[in-house]
């Protein structure tokens, strides 16, 4: 993003809010990423709030939700 700003390029962000499909599968549980990982039966790997570890655990959560047959849509 910073490079886009410096070069005056247009940029667009799209994302998927994993909380929405997570709640569809596991119910309306309010929790953070580490708790979500543990509630799905996965084991947290790495350190919390470490960018790389958080990304890896998020990917593992995504794979678990996909295993449950969920389809994802871009968040509005």
PDB file of N, CA and C in Angstrom:
ATOM      1  N   UNK A   1       0.824  -1.180   0.000  1.00  0.00           N
ATOM      2  CA  UNK A   1       0.000   0.000   0.000  1.00  0.00           C
ATOM      3  C   UNK A   1       0.872   1.249   0.000  1.00  0.00           C
ATOM      4  N   UNK A   2       1.935   1.250   0.800  1.00  0.00           N
ATOM      5  CA  UNK A   2       2.787   2.433   0.878  1.00  0.00           C
ATOM      6  C   UNK A   2       3.389   2.762  -0.476  1.00  0.00           C
ATOM      7  N   UNK A   3       3.783   1.724  -1.230  1.00  0.00           N
ATOM      8  CA  UNK A   3       4.338   1.964  -2.561  1.00  0.00           C
ATOM      9  C   UNK A   3       3.298   2.595  -3.472  1.00  0.00           C
ATOM     10  N   UNK A   4       2.055   2.159  -3.364  1.00  0.00           N
ATOM     11  CA  UNK A   4       0.981   2.728  -4.181  1.00  0.00           C
ATOM     12  C   UNK A   4       0.797   4.202  -3.872  1.00  0.00           C
ATOM     13  N   UNK A   5       0.858   4.543  -2.603  1.00  0.00           N
ATOM     14  CA  UNK A   5       0.694   5.940  -2.210  1.00  0.00           C
ATOM     15  C   UNK A   5       1.861   6.768  -2.727  1.00  0.00           C
ATOM     16  N   UNK A   6       3.085   6.254  -2.558  1.00  0.00           N
ATOM     17  CA  UNK A   6       4.264   7.002  -3.004  1.00  0.00           C
ATOM     18  C   UNK A   6       4.257   7.211  -4.516  1.00  0.00           C
ATOM     19  N   UNK A   7       3.787   6.212  -5.259  1.00  0.00           N
ATOM     20  CA  UNK A   7       3.789   6.311  -6.725  1.00  0.00           C
ATOM     21  C   UNK A   7       2.470   6.851  -7.256  1.00  0.00           C
ATOM     22  N   UNK A   8       1.596   7.273  -6.328  1.00  0.00           N
ATOM     23  CA  UNK A   8       0.286   7.831  -6.669  1.00  0.00           C
ATOM     24  C   UNK A   8      -0.525   6.861  -7.543  1.00  0.00           C
ATOM     25  N   UNK A   9      -0.476   5.590  -7.190  1.00  0.00           N
ATOM     26  CA  UNK A   9      -1.234   4.554  -7.888  1.00  0.00           C
ATOM     27  C   UNK A   9      -2.516   4.276  -7.122  1.00  0.00           C
ATOM     28  N   UNK A  10      -3.531   3.913  -7.851  1.00  0.00           N
ATOM     29  CA  UNK A  10      -4.791   3.560  -7.227  1.00  0.00           C
ATOM     30  C   UNK A  10      -4.667   2.150  -6.639  1.00  0.00           C
ATOM     31  N   UNK A  11      -5.269   1.928  -5.521  1.00  0.00           N
ATOM     32  CA  UNK A  11      -5.240   0.604  -4.914  1.00  0.00           C
ATOM     33  C   UNK A  11      -6.616   0.275  -4.352  1.00  0.00           C
ATOM     34  N   UNK A  12      -6.905  -1.008  -4.314  1.00  0.00           N
ATOM     35  CA  UNK A  12      -8.187  -1.496  -3.795  1.00  0.00           C
ATOM     36  C   UNK A  12      -7.909  -2.655  -2.855  1.00  0.00           C
ATOM     37  N   UNK A  13      -8.601  -2.674  -1.747  1.00  0.00           N
ATOM     38  CA  UNK A  13      -8.473  -3.758  -0.805  1.00  0.00           C
ATOM     39  C   UNK A  13      -9.742  -4.597  -0.830  1.00  0.00           C
ATOM     40  N   UNK A  14      -9.571  -5.880  -0.856  1.00  0.00           N
ATOM     41  CA  UNK A  14     -10.687  -6.800  -0.677  1.00  0.00           C
ATOM     42  C   UNK A  14     -10.269  -7.794   0.392  1.00  0.00           C
ATOM     43  N   UNK A  15     -11.218  -8.278   1.128  1.00  0.00           N
ATOM     44  CA  UNK A  15     -10.921  -9.237   2.172  1.00  0.00           C
ATOM     45  C   UNK A  15     -12.150 -10.063   2.464  1.00  0.00           C
ATOM     46  N   UNK A  16     -11.933 -11.102   3.224  1.00  0.00           N
ATOM     47  CA  UNK A  16     -13.006 -11.960   3.704  1.00  0.00           C
ATOM     48  C   UNK A  16     -12.986 -11.884   5.222  1.00  0.00           C
ATOM     49  N   UNK A  17     -14.099 -11.533   5.810  1.00  0.00           N
ATOM     50  CA  UNK A  17     -14.211 -11.513   7.260  1.00  0.00           C
ATOM     51  C   UNK A  17     -14.513 -12.936   7.717  1.00  0.00           C
ATOM     52  N   UNK A  18     -13.526 -13.624   8.264  1.00  0.00           N
ATOM     53  CA  UNK A  18     -13.702 -15.024   8.664  1.00  0.00           C
ATOM     54  C   UNK A  18     -14.671 -15.193   9.823  1.00  0.00           C
ATOM     55  N   UNK A  19     -14.982 -14.112  10.510  1.00  0.00           N
ATOM     56  CA  UNK A  19     -15.931 -14.237  11.619  1.00  0.00           C
ATOM     57  C   UNK A  19     -17.314 -14.660  11.134  1.00  0.00           C
ATOM     58  N   UNK A  20     -17.703 -14.216   9.955  1.00  0.00           N
ATOM     59  CA  UNK A  20     -19.031 -14.539   9.436  1.00  0.00           C
ATOM     60  C   UNK A  20     -19.169 -16.042   9.179  1.00  0.00           C
ATOM     61  N   UNK A  21     -18.314 -16.661   8.357  1.00  0.00           N
ATOM     62  CA  UNK A  21     -18.461 -18.108   8.161  1.00  0.00           C
ATOM     63  C   UNK A  21     -18.134 -18.907   9.422  1.00  0.00           C
ATOM     64  N   UNK A  22     -17.241 -18.401  10.255  1.00  0.00           N
ATOM     65  CA  UNK A  22     -16.927 -19.096  11.509  1.00  0.00           C
ATOM     66  C   UNK A  22     -18.192 -19.230  12.348  1.00  0.00           C
ATOM     67  N   UNK A  23     -18.956 -18.147  12.456  1.00  0.00           N
ATOM     68  CA  UNK A  23     -20.191 -18.174  13.238  1.00  0.00           C
ATOM     69  C   UNK A  23     -21.226 -19.095  12.614  1.00  0.00           C
ATOM     70  N   UNK A  24     -21.211 -19.233  11.278  1.00  0.00           N
ATOM     71  CA  UNK A  24     -22.150 -20.138  10.623  1.00  0.00           C
ATOM     72  C   UNK A  24     -21.878 -21.587  11.006  1.00  0.00           C
ATOM     73  N   UNK A  25     -20.619 -21.949  11.167  1.00  0.00           N
ATOM     74  CA  UNK A  25     -20.249 -23.326  11.486  1.00  0.00           C
ATOM     75  C   UNK A  25     -20.267 -23.581  12.984  1.00  0.00           C
ATOM     76  N   UNK A  26     -19.689 -22.679  13.755  1.00  0.00           N
ATOM     77  CA  UNK A  26     -19.471 -22.940  15.173  1.00  0.00           C
ATOM     78  C   UNK A  26     -20.385 -22.152  16.099  1.00  0.00           C
ATOM     79  N   UNK A  27     -21.332 -21.426  15.556  1.00  0.00           N
ATOM     80  CA  UNK A  27     -22.265 -20.677  16.382  1.00  0.00           C
ATOM     81  C   UNK A  27     -21.753 -19.282  16.692  1.00  0.00           C
ATOM     82  N   UNK A  28     -22.614 -18.509  17.301  1.00  0.00           N
ATOM     83  CA  UNK A  28     -22.320 -17.098  17.569  1.00  0.00           C
ATOM     84  C   UNK A  28     -21.410 -16.969  18.785  1.00  0.00           C
ATOM     85  N   UNK A  29     -20.189 -17.458  18.632  1.00  0.00           N
ATOM     86  CA  UNK A  29     -19.209 -17.370  19.707  1.00  0.00           C
ATOM     87  C   UNK A  29     -18.321 -16.167  19.430  1.00  0.00           C
ATOM     88  N   UNK A  30     -18.214 -15.263  20.391  1.00  0.00           N
ATOM     89  CA  UNK A  30     -17.337 -14.116  20.221  1.00  0.00           C
ATOM     90  C   UNK A  30     -15.973 -14.489  20.798  1.00  0.00           C
ATOM     91  N   UNK A  31     -14.966 -14.502  19.932  1.00  0.00           N
ATOM     92  CA  UNK A  31     -13.650 -14.906  20.386  1.00  0.00           C
ATOM     93  C   UNK A  31     -12.572 -14.293  19.504  1.00  0.00           C
ATOM     94  N   UNK A  32     -11.351 -14.335  19.993  1.00  0.00           N
ATOM     95  CA  UNK A  32     -10.240 -13.849  19.197  1.00  0.00           C
ATOM     96  C   UNK A  32      -9.683 -14.994  18.344  1.00  0.00           C
ATOM     97  N   UNK A  33      -8.664 -14.709  17.562  1.00  0.00           N
ATOM     98  CA  UNK A  33      -8.121 -15.708  16.645  1.00  0.00           C
ATOM     99  C   UNK A  33      -7.617 -16.945  17.380  1.00  0.00           C
ATOM    100  N   UNK A  34      -6.876 -16.751  18.447  1.00  0.00           N
ATOM    101  CA  UNK A  34      -6.336 -17.894  19.184  1.00  0.00           C
ATOM    102  C   UNK A  34      -7.458 -18.769  19.740  1.00  0.00           C
ATOM    103  N   UNK A  35      -8.489 -18.146  20.287  1.00  0.00           N
ATOM    104  CA  UNK A  35      -9.629 -18.905  20.810  1.00  0.00           C
ATOM    105  C   UNK A  35     -10.375 -19.608  19.685  1.00  0.00           C
ATOM    106  N   UNK A  36     -10.520 -18.952  18.542  1.00  0.00           N
ATOM    107  CA  UNK A  36     -11.201 -19.573  17.397  1.00  0.00           C
ATOM    108  C   UNK A  36     -10.459 -20.815  16.943  1.00  0.00           C
ATOM    109  N   UNK A  37      -9.132 -20.725  16.885  1.00  0.00           N
ATOM    110  CA  UNK A  37      -8.310 -21.872  16.505  1.00  0.00           C
ATOM    111  C   UNK A  37      -8.558 -23.021  17.472  1.00  0.00           C
ATOM    112  N   UNK A  38      -8.513 -22.727  18.761  1.00  0.00           N
ATOM    113  CA  UNK A  38      -8.678 -23.765  19.775  1.00  0.00           C
ATOM    114  C   UNK A  38     -10.085 -24.351  19.774  1.00  0.00           C
ATOM    115  N   UNK A  39     -11.105 -23.521  19.545  1.00  0.00           N
ATOM    116  CA  UNK A  39     -12.483 -24.019  19.529  1.00  0.00           C
ATOM    117  C   UNK A  39     -12.761 -24.933  18.340  1.00  0.00           C
ATOM    118  N   UNK A  40     -11.980 -24.794  17.272  1.00  0.00           N
ATOM    119  CA  UNK A  40     -12.164 -25.676  16.118  1.00  0.00           C
ATOM    120  C   UNK A  40     -11.447 -26.998  16.294  1.00  0.00           C
ATOM    121  N   UNK A  41     -10.697 -27.130  17.398  1.00  0.00           N
ATOM    122  CA  UNK A  41      -9.967 -28.371  17.646  1.00  0.00           C
ATOM    123  C   UNK A  41      -8.534 -28.336  17.150  1.00  0.00           C
ATOM    124  N   UNK A  42      -8.112 -27.199  16.617  1.00  0.00           N
ATOM    125  CA  UNK A  42      -6.729 -27.057  16.172  1.00  0.00           C
ATOM    126  C   UNK A  42      -5.874 -26.588  17.344  1.00  0.00           C
ATOM    127  N   UNK A  43      -4.573 -26.756  17.204  1.00  0.00           N
ATOM    128  CA  UNK A  43      -3.641 -26.308  18.224  1.00  0.00           C
ATOM    129  C   UNK A  43      -2.967 -25.041  17.720  1.00  0.00           C
ATOM    130  N   UNK A  44      -2.933 -24.017  18.552  1.00  0.00           N
ATOM    131  CA  UNK A  44      -2.281 -22.762  18.187  1.00  0.00           C
ATOM    132  C   UNK A  44      -0.800 -23.025  17.950  1.00  0.00           C
ATOM    133  N   UNK A  45      -0.281 -22.480  16.867  1.00  0.00           N
ATOM    134  CA  UNK A  45       1.131 -22.637  16.550  1.00  0.00           C
ATOM    135  C   UNK A  45       1.809 -21.274  16.560  1.00  0.00           C
ATOM    136  N   UNK A  46       2.920 -21.161  17.268  1.00  0.00           N
ATOM    137  CA  UNK A  46       3.689 -19.926  17.276  1.00  0.00           C
ATOM    138  C   UNK A  46       3.279 -18.978  18.378  1.00  0.00           C
ATOM    139  N   UNK A  47       3.639 -17.711  18.177  1.00  0.00           N
ATOM    140  CA  UNK A  47       3.368 -16.664  19.159  1.00  0.00           C
ATOM    141  C   UNK A  47       2.176 -15.825  18.714  1.00  0.00           C
ATOM    142  N   UNK A  48       1.341 -15.458  19.663  1.00  0.00           N
ATOM    143  CA  UNK A  48       0.209 -14.574  19.357  1.00  0.00           C
ATOM    144  C   UNK A  48       0.741 -13.198  18.989  1.00  0.00           C
ATOM    145  N   UNK A  49       0.099 -12.562  18.055  1.00  0.00           N
ATOM    146  CA  UNK A  49       0.426 -11.219  17.582  1.00  0.00           C
ATOM    147  C   UNK A  49       1.745 -11.138  16.817  1.00  0.00           C
ATOM    148  N   UNK A  50       2.304 -12.287  16.468  1.00  0.00           N
ATOM    149  CA  UNK A  50       3.439 -12.324  15.539  1.00  0.00           C
ATOM    150  C   UNK A  50       2.803 -12.410  14.155  1.00  0.00           C
ATOM    151  N   UNK A  51       3.106 -11.459  13.291  1.00  0.00           N
ATOM    152  CA  UNK A  51       2.434 -11.382  11.994  1.00  0.00           C
ATOM    153  C   UNK A  51       2.470 -12.683  11.209  1.00  0.00           C
ATOM    154  N   UNK A  52       3.627 -13.320  11.113  1.00  0.00           N
ATOM    155  CA  UNK A  52       3.743 -14.559  10.352  1.00  0.00           C
ATOM    156  C   UNK A  52       2.953 -15.686  11.006  1.00  0.00           C
ATOM    157  N   UNK A  53       3.064 -15.822  12.317  1.00  0.00           N
ATOM    158  CA  UNK A  53       2.324 -16.873  13.017  1.00  0.00           C
ATOM    159  C   UNK A  53       0.825 -16.644  12.932  1.00  0.00           C
ATOM    160  N   UNK A  54       0.386 -15.405  13.082  1.00  0.00           N
ATOM    161  CA  UNK A  54      -1.045 -15.092  12.957  1.00  0.00           C
ATOM    162  C   UNK A  54      -1.543 -15.435  11.549  1.00  0.00           C
ATOM    163  N   UNK A  55      -0.746 -15.114  10.531  1.00  0.00           N
ATOM    164  CA  UNK A  55      -1.141 -15.416   9.149  1.00  0.00           C
ATOM    165  C   UNK A  55      -1.236 -16.922   8.923  1.00  0.00           C
ATOM    166  N   UNK A  56      -0.273 -17.669   9.439  1.00  0.00           N
ATOM    167  CA  UNK A  56      -0.303 -19.132   9.278  1.00  0.00           C
ATOM    168  C   UNK A  56      -1.506 -19.734   9.986  1.00  0.00           C
ATOM    169  N   UNK A  57      -1.790 -19.268  11.200  1.00  0.00           N
ATOM    170  CA  UNK A  57      -2.938 -19.790  11.935  1.00  0.00           C
ATOM    171  C   UNK A  57      -4.250 -19.389  11.280  1.00  0.00           C
ATOM    172  N   UNK A  58      -4.315 -18.188  10.718  1.00  0.00           N
ATOM    173  CA  UNK A  58      -5.505 -17.764   9.986  1.00  0.00           C
ATOM    174  C   UNK A  58      -5.722 -18.656   8.773  1.00  0.00           C
ATOM    175  N   UNK A  59      -4.649 -18.994   8.072  1.00  0.00           N
ATOM    176  CA  UNK A  59      -4.754 -19.888   6.910  1.00  0.00           C
ATOM    177  C   UNK A  59      -5.221 -21.273   7.338  1.00  0.00           C
ATOM    178  N   UNK A  60      -4.748 -21.744   8.471  1.00  0.00           N
ATOM    179  CA  UNK A  60      -5.185 -23.047   8.973  1.00  0.00           C
ATOM    180  C   UNK A  60      -6.673 -23.013   9.331  1.00  0.00           C
ATOM    181  N   UNK A  61      -7.120 -21.907   9.921  1.00  0.00           N
ATOM    182  CA  UNK A  61      -8.536 -21.750  10.245  1.00  0.00           C
ATOM    183  C   UNK A  61      -9.365 -21.716   8.970  1.00  0.00           C
ATOM    184  N   UNK A  62      -8.905 -20.993   7.976  1.00  0.00           N
ATOM    185  CA  UNK A  62      -9.593 -20.931   6.686  1.00  0.00           C
ATOM    186  C   UNK A  62      -9.713 -22.320   6.079  1.00  0.00           C
ATOM    187  N   UNK A  63      -8.626 -23.084   6.089  1.00  0.00           N
ATOM    188  CA  UNK A  63      -8.654 -24.450   5.541  1.00  0.00           C
ATOM    189  C   UNK A  63      -9.651 -25.317   6.300  1.00  0.00           C
ATOM    190  N   UNK A  64      -9.717 -25.144   7.622  1.00  0.00           N
ATOM    191  CA  UNK A  64     -10.661 -25.912   8.428  1.00  0.00           C
ATOM    192  C   UNK A  64     -12.096 -25.563   8.064  1.00  0.00           C
ATOM    193  N   UNK A  65     -12.378 -24.279   7.878  1.00  0.00           N
ATOM    194  CA  UNK A  65     -13.731 -23.861   7.500  1.00  0.00           C
ATOM    195  C   UNK A  65     -14.083 -24.379   6.108  1.00  0.00           C
ATOM    196  N   UNK A  66     -13.102 -24.372   5.186  1.00  0.00           N
ATOM    197  CA  UNK A  66     -13.341 -24.905   3.846  1.00  0.00           C
ATOM    198  C   UNK A  66     -13.616 -26.400   3.910  1.00  0.00           C
ATOM    199  N   UNK A  67     -12.944 -27.103   4.823  1.00  0.00           N
ATOM    200  CA  UNK A  67     -13.175 -28.537   5.016  1.00  0.00           C
ATOM    201  C   UNK A  67     -14.618 -28.797   5.454  1.00  0.00           C
ATOM    202  N   UNK A  68     -15.205 -27.851   6.152  1.00  0.00           N
ATOM    203  CA  UNK A  68     -16.604 -27.958   6.571  1.00  0.00           C
ATOM    204  C   UNK A  68     -17.568 -27.573   5.444  1.00  0.00           C
ATOM    205  N   UNK A  69     -17.033 -27.296   4.256  1.00  0.00           N
ATOM    206  CA  UNK A  69     -17.875 -27.032   3.095  1.00  0.00           C
ATOM    207  C   UNK A  69     -18.315 -25.593   2.922  1.00  0.00           C
ATOM    208  N   UNK A  70     -17.704 -24.678   3.630  1.00  0.00           N
ATOM    209  CA  UNK A  70     -18.110 -23.286   3.499  1.00  0.00           C
ATOM    210  C   UNK A  70     -17.554 -22.657   2.242  1.00  0.00           C
ATOM    211  N   UNK A  71     -18.379 -21.812   1.634  1.00  0.00           N
ATOM    212  CA  UNK A  71     -17.931 -20.991   0.535  1.00  0.00           C
ATOM    213  C   UNK A  71     -17.804 -19.582   1.064  1.00  0.00           C
ATOM    214  N   UNK A  72     -16.855 -18.868   0.528  1.00  0.00           N
ATOM    215  CA  UNK A  72     -16.564 -17.534   1.033  1.00  0.00           C
ATOM    216  C   UNK A  72     -16.920 -16.481   0.021  1.00  0.00           C
ATOM    217  N   UNK A  73     -17.247 -15.313   0.540  1.00  0.00           N
ATOM    218  CA  UNK A  73     -17.544 -14.166  -0.313  1.00  0.00           C
ATOM    219  C   UNK A  73     -16.745 -12.979   0.215  1.00  0.00           C
ATOM    220  N   UNK A  74     -16.425 -12.084  -0.682  1.00  0.00           N
ATOM    221  CA  UNK A  74     -15.709 -10.877  -0.301  1.00  0.00           C
ATOM    222  C   UNK A  74     -16.588 -10.073   0.648  1.00  0.00           C
ATOM    223  N   UNK A  75     -16.007  -9.572   1.720  1.00  0.00           N
ATOM    224  CA  UNK A  75     -16.721  -8.765   2.710  1.00  0.00           C
ATOM    225  C   UNK A  75     -17.033  -7.390   2.111  1.00  0.00           C
ATOM    226  N   UNK A  76     -18.252  -6.932   2.357  1.00  0.00           N
ATOM    227  CA  UNK A  76     -18.641  -5.604   1.865  1.00  0.00           C
ATOM    228  C   UNK A  76     -17.952  -4.511   2.630  1.00  0.00           C
TER     229      UNK A  76
END
